Amino acid sequence: GILVYKNGQGTFEQNDVYGNAEAGIEVSTGANPVVRTNKVHDGKGVGIVVSYKGQGTFEQNDVYGNAGTETGVKLDWRVCG
């Protein structure tokens, strides 16, 4: 999977992220990446998680078949707090 944290940045494009035990992509603790045109699928956790004041730009990602939420995306309440 992909983990961006501690004010990390970067651009993540056209990756095939699959079969993860946890989140396919996780953004936390002030990180602010650009995440676009990735496939995030068939994981045992949520497809994409944004938590602990994480931010980012997320465009045209295909998130499916993950065991987490129905949408495959989880925004933790601590994003805003």
Protein backbone atom coordinates (compact mmCIF):
# COMPACT_ATOMS: atom_id res chain seq x y z
CA GLY A 1 0.00 0.00 0.00
CA ILE A 2 0.84 3.67 0.12
CA LEU A 3 1.34 5.61 3.37
CA VAL A 4 1.87 9.37 3.34
CA TYR A 5 2.32 10.96 6.79
CA LYS A 6 4.14 13.60 8.91
CA ASN A 7 3.51 16.46 6.45
CA GLY A 8 4.58 14.26 3.54
CA GLN A 9 3.78 15.29 -0.02
CA GLY A 10 4.19 13.84 -3.46
CA THR A 11 2.21 12.69 -6.46
CA PHE A 12 0.98 9.10 -6.72
CA GLU A 13 -0.43 8.22 -10.13
CA GLN A 14 -1.43 5.07 -12.01
CA ASN A 15 -0.59 2.59 -9.26
CA ASP A 16 -2.33 -0.76 -8.86
CA VAL A 17 -2.74 -1.13 -5.08
CA TYR A 18 -4.33 -4.44 -4.08
CA GLY A 19 -4.54 -7.20 -1.49
CA ASN A 20 -3.45 -5.09 1.49
CA ALA A 21 -4.04 -6.20 5.09
CA GLU A 22 -4.83 -2.57 6.09
CA ALA A 23 -5.78 0.50 4.04
CA GLY A 24 -4.63 0.57 0.44
CA ILE A 25 -3.78 4.29 0.69
CA GLU A 26 -3.51 6.14 4.00
CA VAL A 27 -2.92 9.88 4.41
CA SER A 28 -2.40 11.26 7.94
CA THR A 29 -0.69 13.72 10.30
CA GLY A 30 -0.73 16.75 8.03
CA ALA A 31 0.30 14.99 4.83
CA ASN A 32 -0.95 16.58 1.60
CA PRO A 33 -0.33 14.38 -1.48
CA VAL A 34 -1.87 14.32 -4.94
CA VAL A 35 -3.44 10.89 -5.51
CA ARG A 36 -4.90 10.28 -8.97
CA THR A 37 -5.81 7.57 -11.45
CA ASN A 38 -4.92 4.69 -9.11
CA LYS A 39 -6.69 1.36 -8.75
CA VAL A 40 -7.20 0.43 -5.08
CA HIS A 41 -8.90 -2.94 -4.79
CA ASP A 42 -9.38 -6.31 -3.11
CA GLY A 43 -7.88 -5.29 0.23
CA LYS A 44 -8.84 -6.52 3.69
CA GLY A 45 -9.23 -2.94 4.97
CA VAL A 46 -10.60 0.32 3.62
CA GLY A 47 -9.41 1.44 0.19
CA ILE A 48 -8.47 5.02 1.14
CA VAL A 49 -8.21 6.47 4.67
CA VAL A 50 -7.62 10.14 5.49
CA SER A 51 -7.09 10.84 9.21
CA TYR A 52 -5.27 12.96 11.84
CA LYS A 53 -5.45 16.24 9.88
CA GLY A 54 -4.42 14.60 6.63
CA GLN A 55 -5.30 16.41 3.40
CA GLY A 56 -4.80 15.80 -0.27
CA THR A 57 -6.16 15.98 -3.76
CA PHE A 58 -7.85 12.77 -4.87
CA GLU A 59 -8.92 12.49 -8.52
CA GLN A 60 -10.21 9.68 -10.70
CA ASN A 61 -9.19 6.81 -8.43
CA ASP A 62 -10.96 3.48 -8.94
CA VAL A 63 -11.66 2.07 -5.45
CA TYR A 64 -13.51 -1.27 -5.31
CA GLY A 65 -13.73 -4.69 -3.70
CA ASN A 66 -12.20 -3.67 -0.37
CA ALA A 67 -13.52 -5.14 2.90
CA GLY A 68 -13.86 -1.74 4.62
CA THR A 69 -16.69 0.74 4.12
CA GLU A 70 -19.20 0.44 1.29
CA THR A 71 -17.63 3.41 -0.51
CA GLY A 72 -14.08 2.22 0.11
CA VAL A 73 -13.17 5.65 1.52
CA LYS A 74 -12.98 6.62 5.22
CA LEU A 75 -12.60 10.16 6.50
CA ASP A 76 -11.70 10.13 10.18
CA TRP A 77 -13.25 12.88 12.35
CA ARG A 78 -9.75 14.04 13.28
CA VAL A 79 -9.25 15.36 9.72
CA CYS A 80 -11.09 18.54 10.65
CA GLY A 81 -10.25 18.69 14.36
